[in-house]
Amino acid sequence: MPIIKSAKKRVKVTRKATVRNSKTKRSLKSALKAFVKKSDNKSHSAAQSNLDKAVKKGLVHKNKAARIKKQLAAQAKAAGVKPAKSTKAAAKKAAPAKNPVRPAQPKPAAKKPTAKKK
């Protein structure tokens, strides 16, 4: 058991991270198994999404995730699953811009310093 305060904190932080990582890994594995069991568009996109989350959290290397995604796409193609349109691209087209660009307004002229009287 650690004695130093910072070491105690590291134990707590590590426990939390372990739980969080195991949840992410479990959801990734279940998504991949669900896709293998039932090859359809929904399970394919869920598996890819879980892979992206695992990469973002540093659990899976990005190249490994790319390799797995490629394998999933090949399995989906063999199963006859047609790729769905990207939901992100559709959302960008449908949603209006949150912060519209305003036209540039002219800056006020700087005041000239007053001349000193002698």
Protein backbone atom coordinates (compact mmCIF):
# COMPACT_ATOMS: atom_id res chain seq x y z
CA MET A 1 0.00 0.00 0.00
CA PRO A 2 1.42 3.41 -0.90
CA ILE A 3 2.44 5.77 1.85
CA ILE A 4 3.04 8.97 -0.10
CA LYS A 5 0.01 11.13 -0.84
CA SER A 6 0.67 11.40 -4.59
CA ALA A 7 1.07 7.62 -4.84
CA LYS A 8 -2.30 7.16 -3.10
CA LYS A 9 -3.89 9.50 -5.60
CA ARG A 10 -2.33 7.57 -8.51
CA VAL A 11 -3.90 4.36 -7.16
CA LYS A 12 -7.34 6.02 -7.14
CA VAL A 13 -6.89 7.48 -10.61
CA THR A 14 -5.63 4.17 -11.98
CA ARG A 15 -8.64 2.31 -10.58
CA LYS A 16 -11.05 4.74 -12.23
CA ALA A 17 -9.20 4.53 -15.54
CA THR A 18 -9.15 0.74 -15.38
CA VAL A 19 -12.92 0.61 -14.92
CA ARG A 20 -13.48 3.12 -17.72
CA ASN A 21 -11.12 1.29 -20.07
CA SER A 22 -12.66 -2.10 -19.37
CA LYS A 23 -16.15 -0.72 -20.14
CA THR A 24 -14.92 0.67 -23.45
CA LYS A 25 -13.16 -2.58 -24.35
CA ARG A 26 -16.24 -4.62 -23.42
CA SER A 27 -18.54 -2.45 -25.55
CA LEU A 28 -16.09 -2.71 -28.46
CA LYS A 29 -15.97 -6.49 -28.22
CA SER A 30 -19.74 -6.79 -27.97
CA ALA A 31 -20.23 -4.48 -30.96
CA LEU A 32 -17.80 -6.53 -33.06
CA LYS A 33 -19.52 -9.78 -32.04
CA ALA A 34 -22.93 -8.29 -32.81
CA PHE A 35 -21.74 -7.37 -36.30
CA VAL A 36 -20.36 -10.85 -36.92
CA LYS A 37 -23.62 -12.39 -35.70
CA LYS A 38 -25.93 -10.06 -37.60
CA SER A 39 -24.27 -8.28 -40.51
CA ASP A 40 -26.37 -5.21 -41.15
CA ASN A 41 -25.85 -1.49 -41.55
CA LYS A 42 -26.72 -0.58 -37.97
CA SER A 43 -24.32 -3.06 -36.36
CA HIS A 44 -21.59 -2.11 -38.86
CA SER A 45 -21.82 1.58 -37.97
CA ALA A 46 -21.97 0.75 -34.24
CA ALA A 47 -18.80 -1.34 -34.51
CA GLN A 48 -17.00 1.44 -36.37
CA SER A 49 -18.17 4.00 -33.83
CA ASN A 50 -16.94 1.90 -30.92
CA LEU A 51 -13.59 1.45 -32.66
CA ASP A 52 -13.26 5.21 -33.07
CA LYS A 53 -14.05 5.76 -29.39
CA ALA A 54 -11.44 3.20 -28.36
CA VAL A 55 -8.84 4.94 -30.51
CA LYS A 56 -9.79 8.32 -29.08
CA LYS A 57 -9.30 7.01 -25.54
CA GLY A 58 -5.98 5.39 -26.44
CA LEU A 59 -7.06 1.77 -25.98
CA VAL A 60 -6.50 0.72 -29.58
CA HIS A 61 -3.81 1.97 -31.93
CA LYS A 62 -5.20 3.94 -34.86
CA ASN A 63 -3.59 1.62 -37.43
CA LYS A 64 -5.08 -1.44 -35.77
CA ALA A 65 -8.49 0.23 -35.79
CA ALA A 66 -8.09 1.06 -39.47
CA ARG A 67 -7.20 -2.57 -40.19
CA ILE A 68 -10.25 -3.83 -38.26
CA LYS A 69 -12.51 -1.33 -40.03
CA LYS A 70 -11.21 -2.54 -43.38
CA GLN A 71 -11.93 -6.15 -42.38
CA LEU A 72 -15.44 -5.18 -41.24
CA ALA A 73 -16.09 -3.41 -44.52
CA ALA A 74 -14.95 -6.48 -46.45
CA GLN A 75 -17.24 -8.71 -44.37
CA ALA A 76 -20.14 -6.31 -44.88
CA LYS A 77 -19.56 -6.25 -48.63
CA ALA A 78 -19.42 -10.05 -48.74
CA ALA A 79 -22.67 -10.21 -46.77
CA GLY A 80 -24.30 -7.80 -49.21
CA VAL A 81 -24.69 -4.89 -46.81
CA LYS A 82 -24.90 -1.61 -48.68
CA PRO A 83 -23.01 1.26 -47.02
CA ALA A 84 -25.21 3.90 -45.48
CA LYS A 85 -24.77 7.55 -46.24
CA SER A 86 -22.63 9.35 -43.73
CA THR A 87 -24.82 10.76 -40.98
CA LYS A 88 -22.30 13.50 -40.23
CA ALA A 89 -22.40 14.79 -43.80
CA ALA A 90 -26.21 14.72 -43.80
CA ALA A 91 -26.32 16.54 -40.47
CA LYS A 92 -24.03 19.28 -41.76
CA LYS A 93 -26.26 19.87 -44.76
CA ALA A 94 -29.49 19.84 -42.76
CA ALA A 95 -28.39 21.93 -39.77
CA PRO A 96 -28.01 25.68 -40.26
CA ALA A 97 -24.76 27.32 -39.25
CA LYS A 98 -24.63 28.07 -35.54
CA ASN A 99 -22.39 31.11 -35.80
CA PRO A 100 -23.02 32.91 -39.06
CA VAL A 101 -20.14 35.02 -40.27
CA ARG A 102 -20.83 38.70 -39.82
CA PRO A 103 -19.52 41.23 -42.31
CA ALA A 104 -16.43 43.09 -41.18
CA GLN A 105 -17.22 46.44 -39.59
CA PRO A 106 -14.85 49.37 -40.08
CA LYS A 107 -12.68 50.18 -37.09
CA PRO A 108 -13.12 53.64 -35.55
CA ALA A 109 -10.36 56.08 -36.41
CA ALA A 110 -7.72 56.51 -33.74
CA LYS A 111 -7.73 59.88 -31.99
CA LYS A 112 -4.76 62.07 -32.62
CA PRO A 113 -2.94 63.25 -29.51
CA THR A 114 -3.50 66.91 -28.70
CA ALA A 115 -0.61 69.29 -29.26
CA LYS A 116 1.07 70.55 -26.11
CA LYS A 117 0.98 74.29 -25.51
CA LYS A 118 4.29 76.00 -24.74
